[in-house]
Amino acid sequence: MLDYAPPIGNNPIMARKRTVKSTKVSEQLREAIRNADCSRYRISKETGIDQSMLTKFLQGERGLAISTIDTLAEFLNLELTHKKG
């Protein structure tokens, strides 16, 4: 399960804490991107990840490299936690 952590430093993108309930990490990441308090354009500009890559990922047309997932998780203040049960 991915939890939204409080913002770190000057990154107010994810000021609210929310829990994403999907079981697949890729779906949880898609949901976190869709729920981000900023545009895909801003995510792209601030992370260096190509906007078309984000769009294709969100549409389920492609996956992402682990390094790209790490970059997005850091930008969105996400952390991977162990699912209980």
PDB file of N, CA and C in Angstrom:
ATOM      1  N   MET A   1       0.844  -1.159   0.000  1.00  0.00           N
ATOM      2  CA  MET A   1       0.000   0.000   0.000  1.00  0.00           C
ATOM      3  C   MET A   1       0.896   1.230   0.000  1.00  0.00           C
ATOM      4  N   LEU A   2       0.565   2.218  -0.799  1.00  0.00           N
ATOM      5  CA  LEU A   2       1.316   3.462  -0.828  1.00  0.00           C
ATOM      6  C   LEU A   2       0.610   4.485   0.038  1.00  0.00           C
ATOM      7  N   ASP A   3       1.346   5.102   0.932  1.00  0.00           N
ATOM      8  CA  ASP A   3       0.805   6.177   1.752  1.00  0.00           C
ATOM      9  C   ASP A   3       1.418   7.477   1.302  1.00  0.00           C
ATOM     10  N   TYR A   4       0.625   8.517   1.318  1.00  0.00           N
ATOM     11  CA  TYR A   4       1.130   9.846   1.033  1.00  0.00           C
ATOM     12  C   TYR A   4       1.718  10.386   2.323  1.00  0.00           C
ATOM     13  N   ALA A   5       2.981  10.724   2.303  1.00  0.00           N
ATOM     14  CA  ALA A   5       3.631  11.283   3.479  1.00  0.00           C
ATOM     15  C   ALA A   5       3.439  12.793   3.492  1.00  0.00           C
ATOM     16  N   PRO A   6       3.624  13.422   4.639  1.00  0.00           N
ATOM     17  CA  PRO A   6       3.540  14.877   4.677  1.00  0.00           C
ATOM     18  C   PRO A   6       4.597  15.487   3.770  1.00  0.00           C
ATOM     19  N   PRO A   7       4.365  16.702   3.271  1.00  0.00           N
ATOM     20  CA  PRO A   7       5.337  17.317   2.381  1.00  0.00           C
ATOM     21  C   PRO A   7       6.674  17.515   3.075  1.00  0.00           C
ATOM     22  N   ILE A   8       7.738  17.398   2.296  1.00  0.00           N
ATOM     23  CA  ILE A   8       9.086  17.602   2.803  1.00  0.00           C
ATOM     24  C   ILE A   8       9.611  18.894   2.212  1.00  0.00           C
ATOM     25  N   GLY A   9      10.167  19.751   3.049  1.00  0.00           N
ATOM     26  CA  GLY A   9      10.738  21.001   2.551  1.00  0.00           C
ATOM     27  C   GLY A   9       9.682  21.882   1.926  1.00  0.00           C
ATOM     28  N   ASN A  10       9.975  22.372   0.723  1.00  0.00           N
ATOM     29  CA  ASN A  10       9.086  23.302   0.040  1.00  0.00           C
ATOM     30  C   ASN A  10       8.167  22.621  -0.961  1.00  0.00           C
ATOM     31  N   ASN A  11       7.989  21.314  -0.875  1.00  0.00           N
ATOM     32  CA  ASN A  11       7.145  20.601  -1.828  1.00  0.00           C
ATOM     33  C   ASN A  11       5.738  20.433  -1.253  1.00  0.00           C
ATOM     34  N   PRO A  12       4.816  21.380  -1.569  1.00  0.00           N
ATOM     35  CA  PRO A  12       3.464  21.304  -1.019  1.00  0.00           C
ATOM     36  C   PRO A  12       2.523  20.437  -1.840  1.00  0.00           C
ATOM     37  N   ILE A  13       3.044  19.713  -2.822  1.00  0.00           N
ATOM     38  CA  ILE A  13       2.213  18.958  -3.755  1.00  0.00           C
ATOM     39  C   ILE A  13       1.255  18.026  -3.021  1.00  0.00           C
ATOM     40  N   MET A  14       1.757  17.288  -2.080  1.00  0.00           N
ATOM     41  CA  MET A  14       0.929  16.303  -1.396  1.00  0.00           C
ATOM     42  C   MET A  14       0.734  16.698   0.067  1.00  0.00           C
ATOM     43  N   ALA A  15       0.130  17.841   0.300  1.00  0.00           N
ATOM     44  CA  ALA A  15      -0.036  18.348   1.652  1.00  0.00           C
ATOM     45  C   ALA A  15      -0.986  17.486   2.483  1.00  0.00           C
ATOM     46  N   ARG A  16      -1.934  16.828   1.858  1.00  0.00           N
ATOM     47  CA  ARG A  16      -2.882  15.987   2.580  1.00  0.00           C
ATOM     48  C   ARG A  16      -2.406  14.536   2.561  1.00  0.00           C
ATOM     49  N   LYS A  17      -2.652  13.833   3.657  1.00  0.00           N
ATOM     50  CA  LYS A  17      -2.305  12.417   3.700  1.00  0.00           C
ATOM     51  C   LYS A  17      -3.505  11.609   3.239  1.00  0.00           C
ATOM     52  N   ARG A  18      -3.279  10.735   2.268  1.00  0.00           N
ATOM     53  CA  ARG A  18      -4.327   9.866   1.738  1.00  0.00           C
ATOM     54  C   ARG A  18      -3.752   8.471   1.593  1.00  0.00           C
ATOM     55  N   THR A  19      -4.602   7.486   1.616  1.00  0.00           N
ATOM     56  CA  THR A  19      -4.171   6.114   1.382  1.00  0.00           C
ATOM     57  C   THR A  19      -4.775   5.643   0.070  1.00  0.00           C
ATOM     58  N   VAL A  20      -3.931   5.052  -0.782  1.00  0.00           N
ATOM     59  CA  VAL A  20      -4.371   4.510  -2.062  1.00  0.00           C
ATOM     60  C   VAL A  20      -4.678   3.042  -1.825  1.00  0.00           C
ATOM     61  N   LYS A  21      -5.864   2.578  -2.224  1.00  0.00           N
ATOM     62  CA  LYS A  21      -6.327   1.250  -1.837  1.00  0.00           C
ATOM     63  C   LYS A  21      -6.169   0.150  -2.877  1.00  0.00           C
ATOM     64  N   SER A  22      -5.666   0.436  -4.057  1.00  0.00           N
ATOM     65  CA  SER A  22      -5.484  -0.593  -5.073  1.00  0.00           C
ATOM     66  C   SER A  22      -4.417  -1.586  -4.616  1.00  0.00           C
ATOM     67  N   THR A  23      -4.435  -2.789  -5.184  1.00  0.00           N
ATOM     68  CA  THR A  23      -3.464  -3.796  -4.782  1.00  0.00           C
ATOM     69  C   THR A  23      -2.186  -3.759  -5.608  1.00  0.00           C
ATOM     70  N   LYS A  24      -2.239  -3.334  -6.851  1.00  0.00           N
ATOM     71  CA  LYS A  24      -1.049  -3.289  -7.691  1.00  0.00           C
ATOM     72  C   LYS A  24      -0.327  -1.962  -7.499  1.00  0.00           C
ATOM     73  N   VAL A  25       0.987  -2.036  -7.372  1.00  0.00           N
ATOM     74  CA  VAL A  25       1.783  -0.825  -7.189  1.00  0.00           C
ATOM     75  C   VAL A  25       1.599   0.116  -8.374  1.00  0.00           C
ATOM     76  N   SER A  26       1.554  -0.420  -9.592  1.00  0.00           N
ATOM     77  CA  SER A  26       1.394   0.440 -10.769  1.00  0.00           C
ATOM     78  C   SER A  26       0.067   1.198 -10.728  1.00  0.00           C
ATOM     79  N   GLU A  27      -1.003   0.537 -10.298  1.00  0.00           N
ATOM     80  CA  GLU A  27      -2.303   1.212 -10.194  1.00  0.00           C
ATOM     81  C   GLU A  27      -2.298   2.254  -9.084  1.00  0.00           C
ATOM     82  N   GLN A  28      -1.618   1.945  -7.997  1.00  0.00           N
ATOM     83  CA  GLN A  28      -1.512   2.907  -6.907  1.00  0.00           C
ATOM     84  C   GLN A  28      -0.747   4.146  -7.357  1.00  0.00           C
ATOM     85  N   LEU A  29       0.314   3.945  -8.127  1.00  0.00           N
ATOM     86  CA  LEU A  29       1.088   5.073  -8.632  1.00  0.00           C
ATOM     87  C   LEU A  29       0.266   5.890  -9.618  1.00  0.00           C
ATOM     88  N   ARG A  30      -0.470   5.223 -10.494  1.00  0.00           N
ATOM     89  CA  ARG A  30      -1.351   5.946 -11.426  1.00  0.00           C
ATOM     90  C   ARG A  30      -2.352   6.815 -10.656  1.00  0.00           C
ATOM     91  N   GLU A  31      -2.946   6.238  -9.634  1.00  0.00           N
ATOM     92  CA  GLU A  31      -3.922   6.977  -8.839  1.00  0.00           C
ATOM     93  C   GLU A  31      -3.268   8.168  -8.135  1.00  0.00           C
ATOM     94  N   ALA A  32      -2.072   7.973  -7.617  1.00  0.00           N
ATOM     95  CA  ALA A  32      -1.363   9.066  -6.941  1.00  0.00           C
ATOM     96  C   ALA A  32      -1.054  10.204  -7.907  1.00  0.00           C
ATOM     97  N   ILE A  33      -0.659   9.877  -9.134  1.00  0.00           N
ATOM     98  CA  ILE A  33      -0.379  10.909 -10.143  1.00  0.00           C
ATOM     99  C   ILE A  33      -1.666  11.647 -10.485  1.00  0.00           C
ATOM    100  N   ARG A  34      -2.737  10.908 -10.690  1.00  0.00           N
ATOM    101  CA  ARG A  34      -4.025  11.541 -11.023  1.00  0.00           C
ATOM    102  C   ARG A  34      -4.523  12.442  -9.892  1.00  0.00           C
ATOM    103  N   ASN A  35      -4.244  12.060  -8.646  1.00  0.00           N
ATOM    104  CA  ASN A  35      -4.708  12.819  -7.486  1.00  0.00           C
ATOM    105  C   ASN A  35      -3.740  13.915  -7.054  1.00  0.00           C
ATOM    106  N   ALA A  36      -2.605  14.023  -7.722  1.00  0.00           N
ATOM    107  CA  ALA A  36      -1.617  15.044  -7.351  1.00  0.00           C
ATOM    108  C   ALA A  36      -2.212  16.434  -7.529  1.00  0.00           C
ATOM    109  N   ASP A  37      -1.796  17.319  -6.661  1.00  0.00           N
ATOM    110  CA  ASP A  37      -2.293  18.693  -6.714  1.00  0.00           C
ATOM    111  C   ASP A  37      -1.513  19.532  -7.715  1.00  0.00           C
ATOM    112  N   CYS A  38      -1.123  18.922  -8.824  1.00  0.00           N
ATOM    113  CA  CYS A  38      -0.426  19.635  -9.893  1.00  0.00           C
ATOM    114  C   CYS A  38      -0.657  18.889 -11.208  1.00  0.00           C
ATOM    115  N   SER A  39      -0.323  19.545 -12.292  1.00  0.00           N
ATOM    116  CA  SER A  39      -0.555  18.974 -13.621  1.00  0.00           C
ATOM    117  C   SER A  39       0.537  17.976 -13.998  1.00  0.00           C
ATOM    118  N   ARG A  40       0.244  17.165 -14.993  1.00  0.00           N
ATOM    119  CA  ARG A  40       1.258  16.260 -15.541  1.00  0.00           C
ATOM    120  C   ARG A  40       2.416  17.058 -16.109  1.00  0.00           C
ATOM    121  N   TYR A  41       2.091  18.216 -16.684  1.00  0.00           N
ATOM    122  CA  TYR A  41       3.134  19.089 -17.228  1.00  0.00           C
ATOM    123  C   TYR A  41       4.117  19.491 -16.126  1.00  0.00           C
ATOM    124  N   ARG A  42       3.595  19.896 -14.981  1.00  0.00           N
ATOM    125  CA  ARG A  42       4.479  20.298 -13.875  1.00  0.00           C
ATOM    126  C   ARG A  42       5.275  19.103 -13.354  1.00  0.00           C
ATOM    127  N   ILE A  43       4.629  17.955 -13.220  1.00  0.00           N
ATOM    128  CA  ILE A  43       5.346  16.752 -12.788  1.00  0.00           C
ATOM    129  C   ILE A  43       6.496  16.483 -13.748  1.00  0.00           C
ATOM    130  N   SER A  44       6.215  16.566 -15.043  1.00  0.00           N
ATOM    131  CA  SER A  44       7.226  16.335 -16.069  1.00  0.00           C
ATOM    132  C   SER A  44       8.377  17.327 -15.951  1.00  0.00           C
ATOM    133  N   LYS A  45       8.058  18.599 -15.842  1.00  0.00           N
ATOM    134  CA  LYS A  45       9.088  19.639 -15.771  1.00  0.00           C
ATOM    135  C   LYS A  45       9.959  19.499 -14.532  1.00  0.00           C
ATOM    136  N   GLU A  46       9.350  19.215 -13.394  1.00  0.00           N
ATOM    137  CA  GLU A  46      10.097  19.172 -12.139  1.00  0.00           C
ATOM    138  C   GLU A  46      10.856  17.866 -11.919  1.00  0.00           C
ATOM    139  N   THR A  47      10.447  16.800 -12.605  1.00  0.00           N
ATOM    140  CA  THR A  47      11.132  15.513 -12.436  1.00  0.00           C
ATOM    141  C   THR A  47      12.043  15.161 -13.606  1.00  0.00           C
ATOM    142  N   GLY A  48      11.829  15.815 -14.752  1.00  0.00           N
ATOM    143  CA  GLY A  48      12.598  15.471 -15.943  1.00  0.00           C
ATOM    144  C   GLY A  48      12.050  14.254 -16.675  1.00  0.00           C
ATOM    145  N   ILE A  49      10.886  13.772 -16.263  1.00  0.00           N
ATOM    146  CA  ILE A  49      10.248  12.622 -16.912  1.00  0.00           C
ATOM    147  C   ILE A  49       9.399  13.139 -18.062  1.00  0.00           C
ATOM    148  N   ASP A  50       9.569  12.551 -19.229  1.00  0.00           N
ATOM    149  CA  ASP A  50       8.850  12.985 -20.419  1.00  0.00           C
ATOM    150  C   ASP A  50       7.335  12.922 -20.201  1.00  0.00           C
ATOM    151  N   GLN A  51       6.648  13.985 -20.578  1.00  0.00           N
ATOM    152  CA  GLN A  51       5.199  14.060 -20.378  1.00  0.00           C
ATOM    153  C   GLN A  51       4.456  12.973 -21.155  1.00  0.00           C
ATOM    154  N   SER A  52       4.915  12.651 -22.353  1.00  0.00           N
ATOM    155  CA  SER A  52       4.245  11.597 -23.126  1.00  0.00           C
ATOM    156  C   SER A  52       4.421  10.235 -22.454  1.00  0.00           C
ATOM    157  N   MET A  53       5.555  10.031 -21.779  1.00  0.00           N
ATOM    158  CA  MET A  53       5.774   8.788 -21.042  1.00  0.00           C
ATOM    159  C   MET A  53       4.768   8.690 -19.889  1.00  0.00           C
ATOM    160  N   LEU A  54       4.564   9.800 -19.181  1.00  0.00           N
ATOM    161  CA  LEU A  54       3.578   9.815 -18.098  1.00  0.00           C
ATOM    162  C   LEU A  54       2.177   9.516 -18.621  1.00  0.00           C
ATOM    163  N   THR A  55       1.827  10.140 -19.734  1.00  0.00           N
ATOM    164  CA  THR A  55       0.504   9.934 -20.324  1.00  0.00           C
ATOM    165  C   THR A  55       0.306   8.474 -20.715  1.00  0.00           C
ATOM    166  N   LYS A  56       1.293   7.881 -21.374  1.00  0.00           N
ATOM    167  CA  LYS A  56       1.186   6.470 -21.780  1.00  0.00           C
ATOM    168  C   LYS A  56       1.104   5.552 -20.567  1.00  0.00           C
ATOM    169  N   PHE A  57       1.849   5.878 -19.512  1.00  0.00           N
ATOM    170  CA  PHE A  57       1.772   5.095 -18.284  1.00  0.00           C
ATOM    171  C   PHE A  57       0.370   5.201 -17.677  1.00  0.00           C
ATOM    172  N   LEU A  58      -0.159   6.420 -17.610  1.00  0.00           N
ATOM    173  CA  LEU A  58      -1.490   6.624 -17.031  1.00  0.00           C
ATOM    174  C   LEU A  58      -2.582   5.924 -17.829  1.00  0.00           C
ATOM    175  N   GLN A  59      -2.382   5.781 -19.134  1.00  0.00           N
ATOM    176  CA  GLN A  59      -3.354   5.102 -19.992  1.00  0.00           C
ATOM    177  C   GLN A  59      -3.139   3.589 -20.023  1.00  0.00           C
ATOM    178  N   GLY A  60      -2.132   3.109 -19.305  1.00  0.00           N
ATOM    179  CA  GLY A  60      -1.860   1.681 -19.254  1.00  0.00           C
ATOM    180  C   GLY A  60      -1.168   1.140 -20.488  1.00  0.00           C
ATOM    181  N   GLU A  61      -0.580   2.027 -21.292  1.00  0.00           N
ATOM    182  CA  GLU A  61       0.071   1.615 -22.536  1.00  0.00           C
ATOM    183  C   GLU A  61       1.540   1.250 -22.357  1.00  0.00           C
ATOM    184  N   ARG A  62       2.108   1.570 -21.204  1.00  0.00           N
ATOM    185  CA  ARG A  62       3.513   1.261 -20.968  1.00  0.00           C
ATOM    186  C   ARG A  62       3.774   1.194 -19.474  1.00  0.00           C
ATOM    187  N   GLY A  63       4.874   0.554 -19.137  1.00  0.00           N
ATOM    188  CA  GLY A  63       5.327   0.520 -17.756  1.00  0.00           C
ATOM    189  C   GLY A  63       6.394   1.584 -17.550  1.00  0.00           C
ATOM    190  N   LEU A  64       6.981   1.592 -16.367  1.00  0.00           N
ATOM    191  CA  LEU A  64       8.036   2.546 -16.051  1.00  0.00           C
ATOM    192  C   LEU A  64       9.234   1.819 -15.464  1.00  0.00           C
ATOM    193  N   ALA A  65      10.404   2.360 -15.713  1.00  0.00           N
ATOM    194  CA  ALA A  65      11.628   1.833 -15.108  1.00  0.00           C
ATOM    195  C   ALA A  65      11.596   2.108 -13.604  1.00  0.00           C
ATOM    196  N   ILE A  66      12.275   1.276 -12.841  1.00  0.00           N
ATOM    197  CA  ILE A  66      12.337   1.457 -11.391  1.00  0.00           C
ATOM    198  C   ILE A  66      12.870   2.844 -11.039  1.00  0.00           C
ATOM    199  N   SER A  67      13.865   3.321 -11.769  1.00  0.00           N
ATOM    200  CA  SER A  67      14.422   4.650 -11.485  1.00  0.00           C
ATOM    201  C   SER A  67      13.373   5.745 -11.690  1.00  0.00           C
ATOM    202  N   THR A  68      12.505   5.578 -12.679  1.00  0.00           N
ATOM    203  CA  THR A  68      11.431   6.544 -12.923  1.00  0.00           C
ATOM    204  C   THR A  68      10.393   6.473 -11.809  1.00  0.00           C
ATOM    205  N   ILE A  69      10.073   5.268 -11.373  1.00  0.00           N
ATOM    206  CA  ILE A  69       9.145   5.093 -10.257  1.00  0.00           C
ATOM    207  C   ILE A  69       9.712   5.751  -9.005  1.00  0.00           C
ATOM    208  N   ASP A  70      11.009   5.553  -8.752  1.00  0.00           N
ATOM    209  CA  ASP A  70      11.658   6.184  -7.601  1.00  0.00           C
ATOM    210  C   ASP A  70      11.550   7.703  -7.667  1.00  0.00           C
ATOM    211  N   THR A  71      11.784   8.264  -8.854  1.00  0.00           N
ATOM    212  CA  THR A  71      11.708   9.714  -9.038  1.00  0.00           C
ATOM    213  C   THR A  71      10.302  10.223  -8.757  1.00  0.00           C
ATOM    214  N   LEU A  72       9.298   9.539  -9.305  1.00  0.00           N
ATOM    215  CA  LEU A  72       7.909   9.944  -9.078  1.00  0.00           C
ATOM    216  C   LEU A  72       7.524   9.810  -7.605  1.00  0.00           C
ATOM    217  N   ALA A  73       7.929   8.718  -6.982  1.00  0.00           N
ATOM    218  CA  ALA A  73       7.606   8.505  -5.568  1.00  0.00           C
ATOM    219  C   ALA A  73       8.215   9.604  -4.705  1.00  0.00           C
ATOM    220  N   GLU A  74       9.436   9.989  -5.004  1.00  0.00           N
ATOM    221  CA  GLU A  74      10.077  11.065  -4.241  1.00  0.00           C
ATOM    222  C   GLU A  74       9.343  12.387  -4.462  1.00  0.00           C
ATOM    223  N   PHE A  75       9.028  12.699  -5.711  1.00  0.00           N
ATOM    224  CA  PHE A  75       8.340  13.949  -6.023  1.00  0.00           C
ATOM    225  C   PHE A  75       6.968  14.021  -5.353  1.00  0.00           C
ATOM    226  N   LEU A  76       6.245  12.905  -5.357  1.00  0.00           N
ATOM    227  CA  LEU A  76       4.889  12.865  -4.800  1.00  0.00           C
ATOM    228  C   LEU A  76       4.869  12.546  -3.303  1.00  0.00           C
ATOM    229  N   ASN A  77       6.044  12.393  -2.707  1.00  0.00           N
ATOM    230  CA  ASN A  77       6.166  12.050  -1.283  1.00  0.00           C
ATOM    231  C   ASN A  77       5.443  10.750  -0.947  1.00  0.00           C
ATOM    232  N   LEU A  78       5.690   9.720  -1.756  1.00  0.00           N
ATOM    233  CA  LEU A  78       5.081   8.411  -1.537  1.00  0.00           C
ATOM    234  C   LEU A  78       6.086   7.487  -0.884  1.00  0.00           C
ATOM    235  N   GLU A  79       5.580   6.543  -0.123  1.00  0.00           N
ATOM    236  CA  GLU A  79       6.445   5.495   0.390  1.00  0.00           C
ATOM    237  C   GLU A  79       5.712   4.166   0.293  1.00  0.00           C
ATOM    238  N   LEU A  80       6.461   3.131   0.070  1.00  0.00           N
ATOM    239  CA  LEU A  80       5.918   1.785  -0.015  1.00  0.00           C
ATOM    240  C   LEU A  80       5.882   1.216   1.396  1.00  0.00           C
ATOM    241  N   THR A  81       4.734   0.722   1.804  1.00  0.00           N
ATOM    242  CA  THR A  81       4.615   0.128   3.132  1.00  0.00           C
ATOM    243  C   THR A  81       4.118  -1.301   3.009  1.00  0.00           C
ATOM    244  N   HIS A  82       4.462  -2.097   3.991  1.00  0.00           N
ATOM    245  CA  HIS A  82       4.055  -3.495   4.023  1.00  0.00           C
ATOM    246  C   HIS A  82       2.562  -3.589   4.312  1.00  0.00           C
ATOM    247  N   LYS A  83       1.863  -4.369   3.505  1.00  0.00           N
ATOM    248  CA  LYS A  83       0.425  -4.574   3.696  1.00  0.00           C
ATOM    249  C   LYS A  83       0.219  -5.561   4.836  1.00  0.00           C
ATOM    250  N   LYS A  84      -0.573  -5.185   5.789  1.00  0.00           N
ATOM    251  CA  LYS A  84      -0.845  -6.056   6.936  1.00  0.00           C
ATOM    252  C   LYS A  84      -1.944  -7.046   6.587  1.00  0.00           C
ATOM    253  N   GLY A  85      -1.754  -8.275   7.048  1.00  0.00           N
ATOM    254  CA  GLY A  85      -2.805  -9.272   6.842  1.00  0.00           C
ATOM    255  C   GLY A  85      -2.498 -10.205   5.828  1.00  0.00           C
TER     256      GLY A  85
END
